[in-house]
Amino acid sequence: MLTAQIVERAALRYTPAGLPALDLGLRHESEIVQLGQTRKTALELRARAIGELTTALLEAELGTDHSFEGFLGSHRNGRGIVFHIQAFD
């Protein structure tokens, strides 16, 4: 699970199998306590959704916190990490 803001949204495309696919940029910011000290953390992450979920993500407001469920995988060329979105709220 990840709470993040959609900061970038590419144009809708289709996979060779004909499924809708959407690439996104997500930004997460939070504060955690580590060894008794408060620590701010922030990251930007590439994300991808495939299938019916793309419709809701196209309508989602940019810059607003959303909850995402999914898994991490490697980018097609093997460089970097992509968060594969399986559920969105």
N, C-alpha and C. Protein backbone atom coordinates (compact mmCIF):
# COMPACT_ATOMS: atom_id res chain seq x y z
N MET A 1 0.85 -1.18 0.00
CA MET A 1 0.00 0.00 0.00
C MET A 1 0.89 1.24 0.00
N LEU A 2 0.39 2.27 -0.66
CA LEU A 2 1.13 3.51 -0.75
C LEU A 2 0.14 4.67 -0.81
N THR A 3 0.36 5.67 0.01
CA THR A 3 -0.40 6.90 -0.09
C THR A 3 0.48 7.88 -0.85
N ALA A 4 -0.06 8.43 -1.94
CA ALA A 4 0.75 9.30 -2.79
C ALA A 4 -0.15 10.22 -3.60
N GLN A 5 0.48 11.21 -4.22
CA GLN A 5 -0.20 12.13 -5.12
C GLN A 5 0.20 11.78 -6.55
N ILE A 6 -0.76 11.88 -7.45
CA ILE A 6 -0.44 11.74 -8.86
C ILE A 6 0.13 13.09 -9.31
N VAL A 7 1.36 13.10 -9.76
CA VAL A 7 2.00 14.35 -10.18
C VAL A 7 2.22 14.41 -11.69
N GLU A 8 2.07 13.27 -12.34
CA GLU A 8 2.27 13.22 -13.79
C GLU A 8 1.41 12.10 -14.35
N ARG A 9 0.84 12.36 -15.51
CA ARG A 9 -0.01 11.34 -16.14
C ARG A 9 0.24 11.36 -17.64
N ALA A 10 0.68 10.24 -18.19
CA ALA A 10 0.92 10.13 -19.64
C ALA A 10 -0.40 9.89 -20.36
N ALA A 11 -0.35 9.94 -21.66
CA ALA A 11 -1.55 9.66 -22.47
C ALA A 11 -1.88 8.17 -22.36
N LEU A 12 -3.16 7.87 -22.42
CA LEU A 12 -3.61 6.49 -22.40
C LEU A 12 -3.08 5.77 -23.64
N ARG A 13 -2.59 4.57 -23.45
CA ARG A 13 -2.09 3.77 -24.56
C ARG A 13 -2.69 2.37 -24.43
N TYR A 14 -2.40 1.51 -25.37
CA TYR A 14 -2.94 0.15 -25.34
C TYR A 14 -1.80 -0.85 -25.51
N THR A 15 -1.89 -1.94 -24.76
CA THR A 15 -0.89 -3.00 -24.85
C THR A 15 -1.10 -3.77 -26.15
N PRO A 16 -0.13 -4.59 -26.55
CA PRO A 16 -0.34 -5.42 -27.75
C PRO A 16 -1.58 -6.32 -27.65
N ALA A 17 -1.98 -6.65 -26.42
CA ALA A 17 -3.18 -7.47 -26.21
C ALA A 17 -4.47 -6.65 -26.26
N GLY A 18 -4.33 -5.33 -26.45
CA GLY A 18 -5.50 -4.45 -26.54
C GLY A 18 -6.01 -3.91 -25.23
N LEU A 19 -5.27 -4.10 -24.14
CA LEU A 19 -5.69 -3.58 -22.83
C LEU A 19 -5.24 -2.14 -22.67
N PRO A 20 -6.09 -1.28 -22.06
CA PRO A 20 -5.65 0.09 -21.80
C PRO A 20 -4.53 0.10 -20.75
N ALA A 21 -3.55 0.97 -20.95
CA ALA A 21 -2.43 1.08 -20.03
C ALA A 21 -2.14 2.56 -19.80
N LEU A 22 -1.79 2.89 -18.56
CA LEU A 22 -1.54 4.28 -18.19
C LEU A 22 -0.29 4.36 -17.33
N ASP A 23 0.65 5.20 -17.73
CA ASP A 23 1.86 5.44 -16.94
C ASP A 23 1.68 6.73 -16.15
N LEU A 24 2.10 6.68 -14.89
CA LEU A 24 1.92 7.80 -13.96
C LEU A 24 3.21 8.10 -13.23
N GLY A 25 3.29 9.31 -12.70
CA GLY A 25 4.32 9.68 -11.75
C GLY A 25 3.65 9.92 -10.41
N LEU A 26 4.12 9.25 -9.36
CA LEU A 26 3.55 9.39 -8.02
C LEU A 26 4.58 10.05 -7.11
N ARG A 27 4.08 10.84 -6.16
CA ARG A 27 4.95 11.46 -5.15
C ARG A 27 4.39 11.15 -3.77
N HIS A 28 5.25 10.62 -2.92
CA HIS A 28 4.89 10.28 -1.54
C HIS A 28 5.70 11.15 -0.59
N GLU A 29 5.04 11.69 0.42
CA GLU A 29 5.71 12.45 1.48
C GLU A 29 5.11 12.02 2.81
N SER A 30 5.96 11.81 3.82
CA SER A 30 5.46 11.46 5.14
C SER A 30 6.54 11.73 6.19
N GLU A 31 6.14 11.59 7.44
CA GLU A 31 7.07 11.68 8.56
C GLU A 31 6.99 10.38 9.34
N ILE A 32 8.14 9.86 9.71
CA ILE A 32 8.20 8.65 10.51
C ILE A 32 9.13 8.90 11.69
N VAL A 33 9.02 8.07 12.71
CA VAL A 33 9.92 8.16 13.85
C VAL A 33 10.90 6.99 13.74
N GLN A 34 12.17 7.33 13.69
CA GLN A 34 13.22 6.33 13.60
C GLN A 34 14.22 6.58 14.72
N LEU A 35 14.38 5.61 15.59
CA LEU A 35 15.29 5.71 16.73
C LEU A 35 14.99 6.95 17.57
N GLY A 36 13.70 7.23 17.76
CA GLY A 36 13.28 8.35 18.59
C GLY A 36 13.32 9.70 17.91
N GLN A 37 13.73 9.77 16.68
CA GLN A 37 13.83 11.03 15.95
C GLN A 37 12.82 11.05 14.80
N THR A 38 12.17 12.20 14.63
CA THR A 38 11.24 12.35 13.52
C THR A 38 12.03 12.59 12.25
N ARG A 39 11.64 11.87 11.22
CA ARG A 39 12.35 11.96 9.94
C ARG A 39 11.33 12.17 8.83
N LYS A 40 11.59 13.17 7.99
CA LYS A 40 10.74 13.40 6.83
C LYS A 40 11.26 12.54 5.69
N THR A 41 10.34 11.96 4.96
CA THR A 41 10.73 11.15 3.82
C THR A 41 9.89 11.55 2.61
N ALA A 42 10.49 11.54 1.46
CA ALA A 42 9.79 11.89 0.23
C ALA A 42 10.41 11.11 -0.92
N LEU A 43 9.58 10.70 -1.87
CA LEU A 43 10.09 10.02 -3.04
C LEU A 43 9.14 10.19 -4.20
N GLU A 44 9.68 10.10 -5.40
CA GLU A 44 8.88 10.07 -6.61
C GLU A 44 9.10 8.72 -7.25
N LEU A 45 8.03 8.16 -7.78
CA LEU A 45 8.05 6.79 -8.26
C LEU A 45 7.26 6.68 -9.55
N ARG A 46 7.80 5.95 -10.50
CA ARG A 46 7.04 5.67 -11.72
C ARG A 46 6.02 4.58 -11.40
N ALA A 47 4.84 4.71 -12.00
CA ALA A 47 3.78 3.74 -11.74
C ALA A 47 3.07 3.41 -13.05
N ARG A 48 2.39 2.26 -13.05
CA ARG A 48 1.66 1.83 -14.24
C ARG A 48 0.39 1.10 -13.82
N ALA A 49 -0.68 1.38 -14.55
CA ALA A 49 -1.95 0.67 -14.35
C ALA A 49 -2.38 0.10 -15.69
N ILE A 50 -2.96 -1.08 -15.64
CA ILE A 50 -3.44 -1.74 -16.86
C ILE A 50 -4.87 -2.22 -16.61
N GLY A 51 -5.72 -2.04 -17.61
CA GLY A 51 -7.09 -2.53 -17.51
C GLY A 51 -8.08 -1.46 -17.11
N GLU A 52 -9.18 -1.90 -16.52
CA GLU A 52 -10.30 -1.01 -16.17
C GLU A 52 -9.90 0.12 -15.22
N LEU A 53 -8.90 -0.12 -14.41
CA LEU A 53 -8.44 0.87 -13.43
C LEU A 53 -7.99 2.18 -14.09
N THR A 54 -7.59 2.12 -15.33
CA THR A 54 -7.09 3.31 -16.02
C THR A 54 -8.15 4.40 -16.14
N THR A 55 -9.42 4.03 -16.27
CA THR A 55 -10.50 5.01 -16.39
C THR A 55 -10.57 5.90 -15.16
N ALA A 56 -10.56 5.31 -13.97
CA ALA A 56 -10.62 6.08 -12.73
C ALA A 56 -9.36 6.92 -12.54
N LEU A 57 -8.22 6.39 -12.92
CA LEU A 57 -6.97 7.15 -12.77
C LEU A 57 -6.90 8.33 -13.72
N LEU A 58 -7.52 8.22 -14.88
CA LEU A 58 -7.57 9.36 -15.80
C LEU A 58 -8.42 10.50 -15.24
N GLU A 59 -9.42 10.16 -14.43
CA GLU A 59 -10.31 11.17 -13.85
C GLU A 59 -9.83 11.69 -12.50
N ALA A 60 -8.85 11.03 -11.89
CA ALA A 60 -8.36 11.42 -10.56
C ALA A 60 -7.67 12.78 -10.63
N GLU A 61 -7.88 13.56 -9.60
CA GLU A 61 -7.30 14.90 -9.53
C GLU A 61 -5.80 14.82 -9.24
N LEU A 62 -5.02 15.55 -10.01
CA LEU A 62 -3.59 15.63 -9.78
C LEU A 62 -3.30 16.39 -8.49
N GLY A 63 -2.27 15.97 -7.76
CA GLY A 63 -1.85 16.69 -6.57
C GLY A 63 -2.65 16.39 -5.32
N THR A 64 -3.60 15.46 -5.38
CA THR A 64 -4.41 15.08 -4.23
C THR A 64 -3.97 13.71 -3.74
N ASP A 65 -3.95 13.52 -2.41
CA ASP A 65 -3.55 12.22 -1.87
C ASP A 65 -4.55 11.13 -2.24
N HIS A 66 -4.02 9.99 -2.65
CA HIS A 66 -4.82 8.81 -2.98
C HIS A 66 -4.12 7.60 -2.36
N SER A 67 -4.87 6.53 -2.16
CA SER A 67 -4.31 5.27 -1.67
C SER A 67 -4.18 4.31 -2.84
N PHE A 68 -3.03 3.69 -2.95
CA PHE A 68 -2.75 2.76 -4.03
C PHE A 68 -2.33 1.42 -3.44
N GLU A 69 -2.74 0.35 -4.09
CA GLU A 69 -2.27 -0.99 -3.74
C GLU A 69 -1.63 -1.58 -4.99
N GLY A 70 -0.54 -2.31 -4.80
CA GLY A 70 0.12 -2.91 -5.94
C GLY A 70 1.41 -3.59 -5.55
N PHE A 71 2.29 -3.71 -6.52
CA PHE A 71 3.56 -4.38 -6.28
C PHE A 71 4.66 -3.66 -7.07
N LEU A 72 5.89 -3.88 -6.65
CA LEU A 72 7.05 -3.29 -7.31
C LEU A 72 7.62 -4.27 -8.32
N GLY A 73 8.02 -3.75 -9.45
CA GLY A 73 8.67 -4.57 -10.48
C GLY A 73 9.71 -3.72 -11.18
N SER A 74 10.47 -4.36 -12.04
CA SER A 74 11.48 -3.60 -12.77
C SER A 74 10.87 -3.02 -14.03
N HIS A 75 11.48 -1.95 -14.50
CA HIS A 75 11.07 -1.31 -15.73
C HIS A 75 11.39 -2.27 -16.89
N ARG A 76 10.73 -2.11 -18.01
CA ARG A 76 10.92 -3.02 -19.15
C ARG A 76 12.38 -3.19 -19.55
N ASN A 77 13.15 -2.12 -19.49
CA ASN A 77 14.56 -2.22 -19.89
C ASN A 77 15.46 -2.67 -18.74
N GLY A 78 14.85 -3.01 -17.60
CA GLY A 78 15.62 -3.49 -16.46
C GLY A 78 16.22 -2.40 -15.60
N ARG A 79 16.00 -1.14 -15.96
CA ARG A 79 16.56 -0.03 -15.19
C ARG A 79 15.45 0.65 -14.43
N GLY A 80 15.59 0.70 -13.14
CA GLY A 80 14.62 1.40 -12.32
C GLY A 80 13.47 0.51 -11.87
N ILE A 81 12.62 1.10 -11.05
CA ILE A 81 11.50 0.39 -10.43
C ILE A 81 10.20 1.02 -10.90
N VAL A 82 9.19 0.17 -11.09
CA VAL A 82 7.84 0.64 -11.46
C VAL A 82 6.88 0.04 -10.45
N PHE A 83 6.00 0.89 -9.92
CA PHE A 83 4.93 0.45 -9.02
C PHE A 83 3.73 0.08 -9.89
N HIS A 84 3.36 -1.19 -9.91
CA HIS A 84 2.24 -1.68 -10.69
C HIS A 84 0.97 -1.56 -9.84
N ILE A 85 0.10 -0.66 -10.21
CA ILE A 85 -1.12 -0.38 -9.44
C ILE A 85 -2.17 -1.44 -9.71
N GLN A 86 -2.69 -2.04 -8.63
CA GLN A 86 -3.74 -3.05 -8.76
C GLN A 86 -5.07 -2.58 -8.18
N ALA A 87 -5.03 -1.58 -7.28
CA ALA A 87 -6.25 -1.01 -6.71
C ALA A 87 -5.97 0.45 -6.37
N PHE A 88 -7.03 1.25 -6.38
CA PHE A 88 -6.90 2.70 -6.22
C PHE A 88 -8.13 3.22 -5.49
N ASP A 89 -7.90 4.13 -4.55
CA ASP A 89 -9.01 4.72 -3.80
C ASP A 89 -8.87 6.22 -3.78
